[in-house]
Structures are given as structure tokens and as C-alpha cells.
Protein backbone atom coordinates (compact mmCIF):
# COMPACT_ATOMS: atom_id res chain seq x y z
CA UNK A 1 -9.71 68.45 35.96
CA UNK A 2 -6.41 66.25 36.59
CA UNK A 3 -5.72 63.12 34.80
CA UNK A 4 -6.09 61.10 37.97
CA UNK A 5 -9.56 62.87 38.44
CA UNK A 6 -10.53 61.75 35.13
CA UNK A 7 -9.54 58.33 35.48
CA UNK A 8 -11.54 58.17 38.90
CA UNK A 9 -14.49 59.73 37.48
CA UNK A 10 -14.77 57.25 34.49
CA UNK A 11 -13.45 54.09 36.16
CA UNK A 12 -14.19 54.62 39.99
CA UNK A 13 -12.82 51.74 42.26
CA UNK A 14 -10.93 50.49 39.40
CA UNK A 15 -8.31 53.13 40.02
CA UNK A 16 -5.98 52.27 42.60
CA UNK A 17 -3.48 54.69 44.11
CA UNK A 18 -2.43 52.71 47.24
CA UNK A 19 1.16 53.08 47.83
CA UNK A 20 1.97 49.53 47.97
CA UNK A 21 0.32 48.85 44.74
CA UNK A 22 2.20 51.48 43.00
CA UNK A 23 5.81 50.67 44.37
CA UNK A 24 5.13 47.08 42.96
CA UNK A 25 4.13 48.45 39.69
CA UNK A 26 7.73 49.87 39.15
CA UNK A 27 9.60 46.55 39.11
CA UNK A 28 9.44 43.12 37.57
CA UNK A 29 11.59 39.96 38.03
CA UNK A 30 14.60 41.37 36.25
CA UNK A 31 15.93 43.46 39.47
CA UNK A 32 15.27 46.59 37.40
CA UNK A 33 12.76 48.99 38.86
CA UNK A 34 11.70 52.29 37.01
CA UNK A 35 12.68 55.73 38.38
CA UNK A 36 9.89 57.62 40.30
CA UNK A 37 6.44 56.78 40.94
CA UNK A 38 3.24 55.78 38.61
CA UNK A 39 0.33 58.09 38.69
CA UNK A 40 -2.21 55.12 39.27
CA UNK A 41 -2.76 51.36 38.74
CA UNK A 42 -5.96 50.67 36.43
CA UNK A 43 -7.31 47.36 37.27
CA UNK A 44 -9.37 46.64 33.89
CA UNK A 45 -11.88 44.31 33.94
CA UNK A 46 -13.37 44.62 30.52
CA UNK A 47 -12.21 45.65 27.14
CA UNK A 48 -14.26 48.85 27.57
CA UNK A 49 -12.35 49.85 30.78
CA UNK A 50 -9.06 49.55 28.38
CA UNK A 51 -10.60 51.71 25.82
CA UNK A 52 -11.73 54.24 28.52
CA UNK A 53 -8.42 54.42 29.94
CA UNK A 54 -6.36 54.98 26.72
CA UNK A 55 -8.95 57.62 25.72
CA UNK A 56 -8.13 59.42 28.64
CA UNK A 57 -4.35 58.84 28.21
CA UNK A 58 -4.46 60.07 24.53
CA UNK A 59 -6.52 63.28 25.25
CA UNK A 60 -4.05 64.17 28.25
CA UNK A 61 -0.94 62.91 26.53
CA UNK A 62 -0.24 60.70 29.61
CA UNK A 63 2.07 57.83 29.36
CA UNK A 64 0.51 54.15 29.75
CA UNK A 65 2.62 50.92 30.82
CA UNK A 66 0.60 47.66 30.11
CA UNK A 67 1.28 45.17 32.92
CA UNK A 68 0.12 41.50 33.62
CA UNK A 69 1.60 39.64 36.39
CA UNK A 70 4.89 41.31 36.45
CA UNK A 71 7.08 38.32 35.86
CA UNK A 72 8.90 39.81 32.97
CA UNK A 73 12.93 39.89 32.97
CA UNK A 74 13.74 42.88 30.87
CA UNK A 75 12.01 45.55 32.50
CA UNK A 76 9.46 46.07 29.75
CA UNK A 77 6.21 46.20 32.33
CA UNK A 78 7.86 48.78 34.78
CA UNK A 79 6.13 52.00 35.34
CA UNK A 80 7.69 55.13 36.29
CA UNK A 81 6.95 58.77 37.21
CA UNK A 82 3.69 59.99 36.09
CA UNK A 83 2.71 56.94 34.10
CA UNK A 84 -0.65 55.19 34.12
CA UNK A 85 -0.20 51.44 34.66
CA UNK A 86 -3.06 49.49 32.93
CA UNK A 87 -3.30 46.12 34.31
CA UNK A 88 -5.03 43.17 32.63
CA UNK A 89 -4.58 40.74 35.43
CA UNK A 90 -8.41 40.79 36.21
CA UNK A 91 -9.41 39.83 32.56
CA UNK A 92 -9.12 36.04 33.08
CA UNK A 93 -12.17 34.77 31.08
CA UNK A 94 -11.80 31.61 28.73
CA UNK A 95 -14.68 32.79 26.28
CA UNK A 96 -14.52 29.82 24.01
CA UNK A 97 -13.00 26.35 23.67
CA UNK A 98 -13.21 24.54 20.36
CA UNK A 99 -11.85 21.00 20.47
CA UNK A 100 -13.02 20.30 16.82
CA UNK A 101 -11.03 23.29 15.64
CA UNK A 102 -8.16 22.90 18.06
CA UNK A 103 -8.51 26.49 19.16
CA UNK A 104 -9.61 28.66 22.42
CA UNK A 105 -10.59 32.45 22.83
CA UNK A 106 -9.27 33.95 26.21
CA UNK A 107 -8.70 37.14 27.98
CA UNK A 108 -5.01 38.14 28.33
CA UNK A 109 -4.97 37.93 32.56
CA UNK A 110 -5.60 34.07 32.59
CA UNK A 111 -2.24 32.35 33.90
CA UNK A 112 -0.81 29.99 31.35
CA UNK A 113 -0.77 27.04 33.85
CA UNK A 114 -4.64 27.77 34.83
CA UNK A 115 -5.38 27.69 31.19
CA UNK A 116 -3.80 24.72 30.67
CA UNK A 117 -5.52 23.04 33.61
CA UNK A 118 -8.99 24.01 32.19
CA UNK A 119 -7.99 22.76 28.68
CA UNK A 120 -6.91 19.38 30.01
CA UNK A 121 -10.35 18.67 30.68
CA UNK A 122 -11.12 18.70 27.05
CA UNK A 123 -7.99 16.75 26.00
CA UNK A 124 -6.20 19.99 25.04
CA UNK A 125 -3.12 21.89 25.79
CA UNK A 126 -1.54 25.18 24.89
CA UNK A 127 2.07 24.49 24.09
CA UNK A 128 4.14 27.39 25.36
CA UNK A 129 5.84 26.40 28.46
CA UNK A 130 7.80 29.39 30.08
CA UNK A 131 9.47 28.60 33.42
CA UNK A 132 7.13 31.08 34.89
CA UNK A 133 4.00 29.33 33.42
CA UNK A 134 2.59 28.90 37.05
CA UNK A 135 2.60 32.68 37.64
CA UNK A 136 2.76 34.46 34.15
CA UNK A 137 -0.47 35.47 32.12
CA UNK A 138 -1.14 34.54 28.51
CA UNK A 139 -1.09 38.22 27.61
CA UNK A 140 2.44 38.84 29.14
CA UNK A 141 3.43 35.76 27.24
CA UNK A 142 2.24 37.34 23.97
CA UNK A 143 3.55 40.71 24.67
CA UNK A 144 7.29 39.05 25.16
CA UNK A 145 7.08 36.36 22.72
CA UNK A 146 7.76 33.88 25.43
CA UNK A 147 9.47 30.62 25.02
CA UNK A 148 10.37 28.01 27.58
CA UNK A 149 11.49 24.51 27.79
CA UNK A 150 9.25 22.87 25.22
CA UNK A 151 10.15 25.05 22.43
CA UNK A 152 12.51 23.02 20.27
CA UNK A 153 9.64 20.46 19.71
CA UNK A 154 6.51 22.34 20.23
CA UNK A 155 7.44 26.09 19.22
CA UNK A 156 7.18 29.40 20.98
CA UNK A 157 4.23 31.74 21.48
CA UNK A 158 4.37 32.99 18.05
CA UNK A 159 3.65 29.37 16.73
CA UNK A 160 0.61 29.13 18.94
CA UNK A 161 -1.56 32.30 18.38
CA UNK A 162 -3.98 32.75 15.56
CA UNK A 163 -5.11 36.32 16.38
CA UNK A 164 -5.22 39.00 18.79
CA UNK A 165 -7.76 41.64 19.95
CA UNK A 166 -5.89 44.91 20.24
CA UNK A 167 -6.82 48.28 21.46
CA UNK A 168 -4.86 50.94 20.19
CA UNK A 169 -3.47 54.00 22.13
CA UNK A 170 -6.74 56.31 20.82
CA UNK A 171 -8.97 53.56 22.22
CA UNK A 172 -9.81 51.82 18.89
CA UNK A 173 -10.60 48.03 19.00
CA UNK A 174 -8.83 45.83 16.29
CA UNK A 175 -9.63 42.26 15.70
CA UNK A 176 -6.21 40.83 14.04
CA UNK A 177 -5.75 37.34 12.69
CA UNK A 178 -7.98 34.62 11.92
CA UNK A 179 -9.71 31.27 13.37
CA UNK A 180 -8.90 29.20 10.44
CA UNK A 181 -5.57 27.15 9.97
CA UNK A 182 -4.72 29.18 7.21
CA UNK A 183 -4.85 32.84 6.64
CA UNK A 184 -2.89 35.29 4.61
CA UNK A 185 -5.23 38.05 4.04
CA UNK A 186 -3.14 41.42 4.09
CA UNK A 187 -0.12 42.08 6.06
CA UNK A 188 0.39 39.54 9.27
CA UNK A 189 -0.27 42.15 12.16
CA UNK A 190 -0.66 39.23 14.73
CA UNK A 191 2.69 38.17 14.49
CA UNK A 192 3.91 41.86 14.46
CA UNK A 193 2.12 42.49 17.67
CA UNK A 194 3.52 39.35 19.18
CA UNK A 195 6.79 40.47 21.12
CA UNK A 196 5.99 44.08 20.75
CA UNK A 197 6.32 44.50 24.49
CA UNK A 198 3.25 46.92 24.85
CA UNK A 199 4.45 49.18 22.26
CA UNK A 200 1.84 48.93 19.62
CA UNK A 201 -1.39 48.41 21.72
CA UNK A 202 -3.12 46.51 24.34
CA UNK A 203 -3.86 42.92 23.91
CA UNK A 204 -7.34 42.19 25.29
CA UNK A 205 -8.11 38.94 23.78
CA UNK A 206 -6.29 36.18 22.04
CA UNK A 207 -7.18 33.21 19.69
CA UNK A 208 -5.10 30.48 20.65
CA UNK A 209 -3.99 27.34 18.45
CA UNK A 210 -4.13 24.17 20.58
CA UNK A 211 -2.84 20.61 20.63
CA UNK A 212 -4.43 17.43 21.67
CA UNK A 213 -2.86 15.84 24.76
CA UNK A 214 -0.08 13.79 23.91
CA UNK A 215 -0.43 9.91 23.86
CA UNK A 216 2.03 7.73 25.12
CA UNK A 217 4.68 8.10 27.83
CA UNK A 218 7.52 10.33 28.77
CA UNK A 219 11.10 9.17 29.24
CA UNK A 220 13.70 11.29 31.24
CA UNK A 221 17.46 11.00 30.36
CA UNK A 222 19.98 12.52 32.93
CA UNK A 223 23.41 12.72 31.44
CA UNK A 224 26.42 14.21 33.54
CA UNK A 225 29.58 15.31 32.01
CA UNK A 226 32.86 16.25 33.23
CA UNK A 227 32.49 20.02 31.73
CA UNK A 228 30.15 22.37 29.85
CA UNK A 229 31.85 21.94 26.69
CA UNK A 230 31.40 18.29 26.64
CA UNK A 231 27.81 18.66 27.78
CA UNK A 232 27.06 21.28 24.97
CA UNK A 233 28.84 19.26 22.41
CA UNK A 234 26.86 16.38 23.31
CA UNK A 235 23.50 18.20 22.99
CA UNK A 236 24.41 19.52 19.61
CA UNK A 237 25.27 15.69 18.58
CA UNK A 238 21.58 14.70 19.72
CA UNK A 239 20.25 17.72 17.49
CA UNK A 240 22.45 16.70 14.59
CA UNK A 241 21.38 13.06 14.79
CA UNK A 242 17.75 14.20 13.83
CA UNK A 243 16.30 13.21 17.27
CA UNK A 244 13.74 16.02 18.57
CA UNK A 245 13.25 15.68 22.24
CA UNK A 246 10.42 17.50 23.81
CA UNK A 247 12.99 19.04 26.40
CA UNK A 248 16.78 19.41 26.10
CA UNK A 249 18.08 21.47 29.09
CA UNK A 250 21.74 22.13 29.96
CA UNK A 251 23.07 23.29 33.35
CA UNK A 252 26.66 24.30 33.68
CA UNK A 253 28.70 23.15 36.86
CA UNK A 254 28.05 26.56 38.74
CA UNK A 255 24.19 26.62 38.09
CA UNK A 256 24.14 22.86 38.91
CA UNK A 257 25.99 23.30 42.18
CA UNK A 258 23.77 26.48 43.32
CA UNK A 259 20.52 24.54 42.55
CA UNK A 260 21.65 21.36 44.39
CA UNK A 261 22.26 23.75 47.41
CA UNK A 262 19.18 25.43 47.40
CA UNK A 263 17.19 22.42 47.16
CA UNK A 264 19.68 20.56 49.79
CA UNK A 265 20.50 17.78 47.39
CA UNK A 266 23.99 16.04 47.60
CA UNK A 267 26.58 18.05 45.72
CA UNK A 268 27.62 16.98 42.20
CA UNK A 269 31.06 16.13 41.56
CA UNK A 270 33.35 19.28 41.04
CA UNK A 271 32.94 20.73 37.42
CA UNK A 272 30.03 18.58 36.52
CA UNK A 273 27.62 19.86 33.95
CA UNK A 274 24.23 18.14 33.41
CA UNK A 275 21.66 17.53 30.74
CA UNK A 276 18.08 16.92 31.23
CA UNK A 277 16.15 15.43 28.26
CA UNK A 278 12.58 14.30 28.06
CA UNK A 279 11.08 12.27 24.93
CA UNK A 280 7.35 12.20 24.94
CA UNK A 281 4.66 10.54 22.63
CA UNK A 282 4.47 6.62 20.99
CA UNK A 283 8.08 6.92 20.24
CA UNK A 284 9.40 8.23 23.51
CA UNK A 285 11.07 4.95 24.89
CA UNK A 286 13.11 4.27 21.45
CA UNK A 287 14.10 8.17 21.14
CA UNK A 288 15.21 7.76 24.77
CA UNK A 289 17.35 4.77 24.09
CA UNK A 290 18.79 6.41 20.89
CA UNK A 291 19.64 9.52 22.96
CA UNK A 292 21.35 7.65 25.84
CA UNK A 293 23.51 5.94 23.24
CA UNK A 294 24.67 9.15 21.72
CA UNK A 295 25.49 10.61 25.00
CA UNK A 296 27.16 7.53 26.50
CA UNK A 297 29.52 7.42 23.39
CA UNK A 298 30.30 11.00 24.16
CA UNK A 299 31.41 10.29 27.68
CA UNK A 300 28.32 10.86 29.66
CA UNK A 301 27.14 9.10 32.69
CA UNK A 302 23.61 8.39 31.92
CA UNK A 303 20.49 7.24 33.59
CA UNK A 304 17.08 6.79 32.11
CA UNK A 305 13.65 6.81 33.73
CA UNK A 306 10.20 5.65 32.15
CA UNK A 307 8.21 6.97 35.16
CA UNK A 308 6.59 10.33 34.56
CA UNK A 309 6.57 11.46 38.38
CA UNK A 310 10.29 10.78 38.43
CA UNK A 311 10.95 12.67 35.38
CA UNK A 312 9.17 15.62 36.75
CA UNK A 313 11.09 15.37 39.84
CA UNK A 314 14.21 15.40 37.87
CA UNK A 315 13.00 18.25 35.68
CA UNK A 316 12.22 20.20 38.85
CA UNK A 317 16.14 20.65 39.45
CA UNK A 318 16.38 22.78 36.34
CA UNK A 319 13.19 24.80 37.14
CA UNK A 320 14.78 25.79 40.29
CA UNK A 321 17.62 28.00 38.55
CA UNK A 322 15.76 31.26 39.15
CA UNK A 323 15.29 30.90 42.91
CA UNK A 324 18.82 29.44 43.28
CA UNK A 325 20.36 32.22 41.56
CA UNK A 326 18.25 34.70 43.69
CA UNK A 327 19.75 33.14 46.71
CA UNK A 328 23.41 34.11 45.77
CA UNK A 329 22.41 37.84 45.40
CA UNK A 330 20.90 40.17 42.94
CA UNK A 331 20.75 38.60 39.48
CA UNK A 332 20.73 39.82 35.95
CA UNK A 333 19.36 36.96 34.10
CA UNK A 334 20.29 37.29 30.56
CA UNK A 335 18.95 35.61 27.38
CA UNK A 336 20.68 35.10 24.19
CA UNK A 337 20.31 32.50 21.40
CA UNK A 338 22.76 31.26 18.93
CA UNK A 339 22.45 28.38 16.15
CA UNK A 340 22.39 24.86 17.87
CA UNK A 341 25.55 24.17 16.42
CA UNK A 342 27.32 27.07 17.80
CA UNK A 343 26.45 26.17 21.46
CA UNK A 344 29.82 24.91 22.32
CA UNK A 345 31.54 28.06 20.93
CA UNK A 346 29.11 30.20 22.87
CA UNK A 347 29.90 28.35 26.11
CA UNK A 348 33.74 28.95 25.32
CA UNK A 349 33.08 32.70 24.92
CA UNK A 350 31.20 32.78 28.19
CA UNK A 351 34.48 31.07 29.79
CA UNK A 352 36.67 33.51 28.13
CA UNK A 353 34.47 36.59 29.59
CA UNK A 354 34.52 35.09 32.97
CA UNK A 355 38.34 35.07 33.14
CA UNK A 356 38.38 38.44 31.68
CA UNK A 357 36.46 39.79 34.19
CA UNK A 358 36.86 37.76 37.15
CA UNK A 359 33.32 36.55 37.40
CA UNK A 360 31.51 33.44 37.43
CA UNK A 361 28.34 33.46 35.11
CA UNK A 362 26.41 30.47 36.13
CA UNK A 363 24.54 29.35 32.80
CA UNK A 364 21.48 27.37 31.87
CA UNK A 365 20.40 26.65 28.39
CA UNK A 366 17.44 25.46 26.51
CA UNK A 367 20.01 23.24 24.46
CA UNK A 368 17.22 22.01 21.89
CA UNK A 369 17.14 25.51 20.62
CA UNK A 370 20.23 27.10 21.36
CA UNK A 371 18.72 29.78 24.03
CA UNK A 372 21.13 30.38 26.82
CA UNK A 373 20.56 31.88 30.08
CA UNK A 374 23.92 33.46 31.63
CA UNK A 375 23.38 34.68 35.13
CA UNK A 376 25.43 37.55 36.59
CA UNK A 377 25.18 37.74 40.29
CA UNK A 378 26.06 41.12 42.04
CA UNK A 379 25.35 42.84 45.35
CA UNK A 380 22.84 46.00 45.45
CA UNK A 381 20.20 47.37 43.47
CA UNK A 382 22.20 48.70 40.59
CA UNK A 383 23.90 46.71 37.96
CA UNK A 384 27.66 47.65 38.39
CA UNK A 385 29.52 48.92 35.01
CA UNK A 386 31.89 45.92 35.19
CA UNK A 387 28.70 43.58 34.94
CA UNK A 388 27.46 45.59 31.96
CA UNK A 389 30.99 45.58 30.33
CA UNK A 390 30.94 41.81 30.48
CA UNK A 391 27.47 41.47 29.33
CA UNK A 392 28.10 43.79 26.43
CA UNK A 393 30.97 41.37 25.31
CA UNK A 394 28.48 38.43 25.69
CA UNK A 395 25.96 40.05 23.52
CA UNK A 396 28.37 40.83 20.84
CA UNK A 397 29.69 37.27 21.09
CA UNK A 398 26.34 35.84 20.57
CA UNK A 399 25.48 38.13 17.49
CA UNK A 400 29.01 37.43 15.97
CA UNK A 401 28.17 33.62 16.25
CA UNK A 402 24.72 34.16 14.13
CA UNK A 403 22.74 34.65 16.99
CA UNK A 404 20.43 37.29 18.55
CA UNK A 405 20.36 39.63 21.81
CA UNK A 406 17.00 37.83 22.99
CA UNK A 407 15.38 34.38 22.45
CA UNK A 408 12.28 35.10 24.86
CA UNK A 409 12.83 37.58 27.47
CA UNK A 410 12.66 40.76 25.10
CA UNK A 411 14.24 43.84 24.81
CA UNK A 412 12.54 46.16 27.52
CA UNK A 413 15.01 48.70 29.02
CA UNK A 414 17.90 46.38 29.64
CA UNK A 415 19.03 45.55 26.06
CA UNK A 416 17.92 49.10 24.24
CA UNK A 417 21.66 50.21 23.96
CA UNK A 418 22.63 46.97 21.67
CA UNK A 419 19.36 46.65 19.77
CA UNK A 420 20.71 48.71 16.64
CA UNK A 421 23.82 46.54 16.82
CA UNK A 422 21.87 43.39 15.73
CA UNK A 423 19.23 45.04 13.53
CA UNK A 424 21.33 47.71 11.75
CA UNK A 425 20.45 51.22 11.65
CA UNK A 426 18.01 50.97 8.63
CA UNK A 427 16.15 48.18 10.30
CA UNK A 428 16.05 50.05 13.63
CA UNK A 429 14.64 53.09 12.07
CA UNK A 430 11.99 51.13 10.12
CA UNK A 431 10.82 49.42 13.27
CA UNK A 432 10.71 52.76 15.20
CA UNK A 433 8.47 54.35 12.39
CA UNK A 434 6.20 51.38 12.67
CA UNK A 435 5.56 51.92 16.24
CA UNK A 436 4.61 55.54 15.44
CA UNK A 437 1.97 54.43 12.90
CA UNK A 438 0.41 52.35 15.77
CA UNK A 439 0.87 55.06 18.47
CA UNK A 440 1.39 58.72 17.05
CA UNK A 441 1.87 60.20 20.16
CA UNK A 442 4.31 58.03 21.65
CA UNK A 443 2.40 57.23 24.74
CA UNK A 444 2.51 53.42 25.03
CA UNK A 445 5.32 52.08 27.03
CA UNK A 446 7.62 55.17 26.06
CA UNK A 447 11.30 54.27 26.78
CA UNK A 448 10.81 50.57 26.36
CA UNK A 449 12.51 48.70 23.34
CA UNK A 450 13.24 51.96 21.82
CA UNK A 451 14.56 55.09 23.63
CA UNK A 452 11.67 57.74 24.65
CA UNK A 453 13.11 60.37 22.41
CA UNK A 454 13.97 58.14 19.57
């Protein structure tokens, strides 16, 4: 019996071999598509469906790619020739909400924004805030170690997950982590799974650490500067002053101009870079005033709003970055992080690389935590070698400044070749050995993070 026949016998109509479904499973929002055609998409609806799929995959040595909403930006959930796609998108249940313990137990397919709509009725929220929160799943957020606009103050996904339920490649179910605030029994396998990009197992449930809804108001500060260097230095000054905004986003001149065109807003003055800063909670007004004072002293043109709706309208300009870039052509959306004090130096490096390669690299940054998203725009489906050469210099510059290849998108297939440069050969090999312990046959997301033959 063929692998497909075994899947169909065990899972029936959950096994989808429609051509459109298979083609969609080849790509994510990175612009990258896997070669070939996946074998089938299994639309798992229960933990048992996941276990059945993986038992068949193990018995037949068939590779499996786990997939949520397909909103990733590193190619980690893209499925290629002969691979089983295991979709958890239908596993959307919120199994438990405990306001007294500030936790929720959820399935991986629920969308980030949908979860927070439900939690809001209980006076709670889950803090991770990726730009894709309206369309990305909690399971995908966990698999990539997602971040977002609120990370500097409220943390990333790793800070908001107490435990995960994980199905191993052979179908065994593990319950990792704990429900208590503290828990240090044994090795922290929960943290190991977060950001593992489907290489260690399939997340089928998560115990999430929640926060109470913020009391107080939200203030928004918009600051325009005559160049990105001045804006980056100003954001570093806010951090150095000990102020911790909920959001501090930086848009360089090309990205700001592109978004204004996309949204049909009046064009900003040539060369203008912009900081969008939000403060929240009981001290929001005082903190916004302090931020405005710092930015004004450094040459910023400042406007301050205490209207939450106006704040969301202003923040929507930053959130429109991805569609604005897509309107310019095919986009390689990159993701490096540096220490916050090194932000001005990293923008200097980007300017140097632009000049050296004759490129414009529109860049936005989560300035509150030093996470930059340089965008390489090109025509066609394949990334030109000139773009990869420029990206190579950008990655190496970030590492040289004490930073990292990726702050929130992950390695996937797009950054494999640079992974050992950051980790070093010994740590690279140790991490590879860890994946073999979880997945001895190497069937889980082969070719992602580490080369398939490594």
C-alpha cells in the first residue's frame, strides 16, 4: 500500500490532494516556494489525527512539514516533493481559561487575534504581537519564536508560554512545562521547542501565560527627523533614559515614503524618517511627555495624541509596511537584531551596503528592542545573486555589532548558510545532534534550519 493510500485509509476526508491546496502548501509569505509538489495535506482536527499521521510517516520514512496559516517569512513551513503537509489550522479550541492563574490552554490553530478577542471578555490578553497577529496562528507563533511591536515592554513568545503538548516523530505525546508561575524540574524542553521551526515535533497544545488588560490610557508620539541616523540615535536616547514605551517603531525615509504612497497619504518631506512611540498604563501621559522632551531636544518634530483611536490610526501607517513593500515588487523581508545602542551603527552599515550594491533597502525597526527589518526589492520569483551578496554583508554586519541573524522570523531555508557563522561549528553541531535525539530518522521538516544531509 502506498503512503497516500495508508493516509487515506487512516484519515479519510482529512487527506487533501487537491492541486490548489498542494500548490499553496509550497510557499509562505517570504516569497520562497519549495521545489516539487507535496504528497498530500492532512487537515488534522485532533491530537490523534496528528499522531496517526506521524506514525505512518515514521513507518514509511516519509518527510513531514508542519504548517499553520502559512504566514512565515523564512520558508520554514514550505513543503516540497513527496512530503506530507500536516496542517494544524483546524485545531482551534480554547480548552481552558483561568483568570485566577493568568493562564489559558489552547490548540495551535487558533489565530493570535481571535484568541485575544476571546480573552478580552475575561479582562485578559496574550502579549505577543506579531504584525501578522490577525492571520497567524498561536502554533506558528510558537514554532518561529515570534515577536512583534510590543516585545520591548511585554516580551516575545518565549516569555509568554508555560508549556506545550508535543507529538514526536514516532507519534508519542509529551506534556512539557508546567502551569505554575515557577517550575525548574529537569531541562527546560518547552523553551527548546519554542522557535524550533517544526524540527523537534508537532505542537498540538499550549499553556499560555496571560496578562490582565492594561488599566489607563494610551498615548502616541510621532517624531519626524531629517534622516534615519538621527531617528535611530533618538530612539537609543529614549532607551538610555530608562523609559520603556510599549511600542517604539522606526521607519526610514524609503519605507515611510512607500507606505504613504500605498495608503494615498500626503508624501513626507524628502529624507524624512519617523519614530512612532506609544506609552500605556497609568503613567502613559507622563512617559509620553518625557519621550517628547527627549526627541524634541534631538531635533525631532513632535506631535502627541492621547486619543487611543487616533493612536491606532497613526500606528496603522507602520503596520502597512508589508503590503507597501509588496506593491514595489518581490520582497525579501529580512530580520536582524542588534543591541539597541548599536542601532545607529547598523543603519550606517545598511547605507554602506546600499551604496556598494546600488540598491535601495527600505528598513523598518522595532527600535525598542533593536530588531531591524531591511527589505530587498527585486523582480521575478528567484532572489538574484546580487541581492544575496548584499544580504550576506548585512547579516555579517549585524553579527559583528554583537547582534543576531534573526530576531523573530527564524532560520527556515533562507538563512541556513549563515547559521554556523553565528553559532560557531561546535554549537552548530550540538544543536544538530539535539534534533536527531527528537527525530532520529530526520523526517520532521528536513532541510529547514539545518541542511537535510547535515
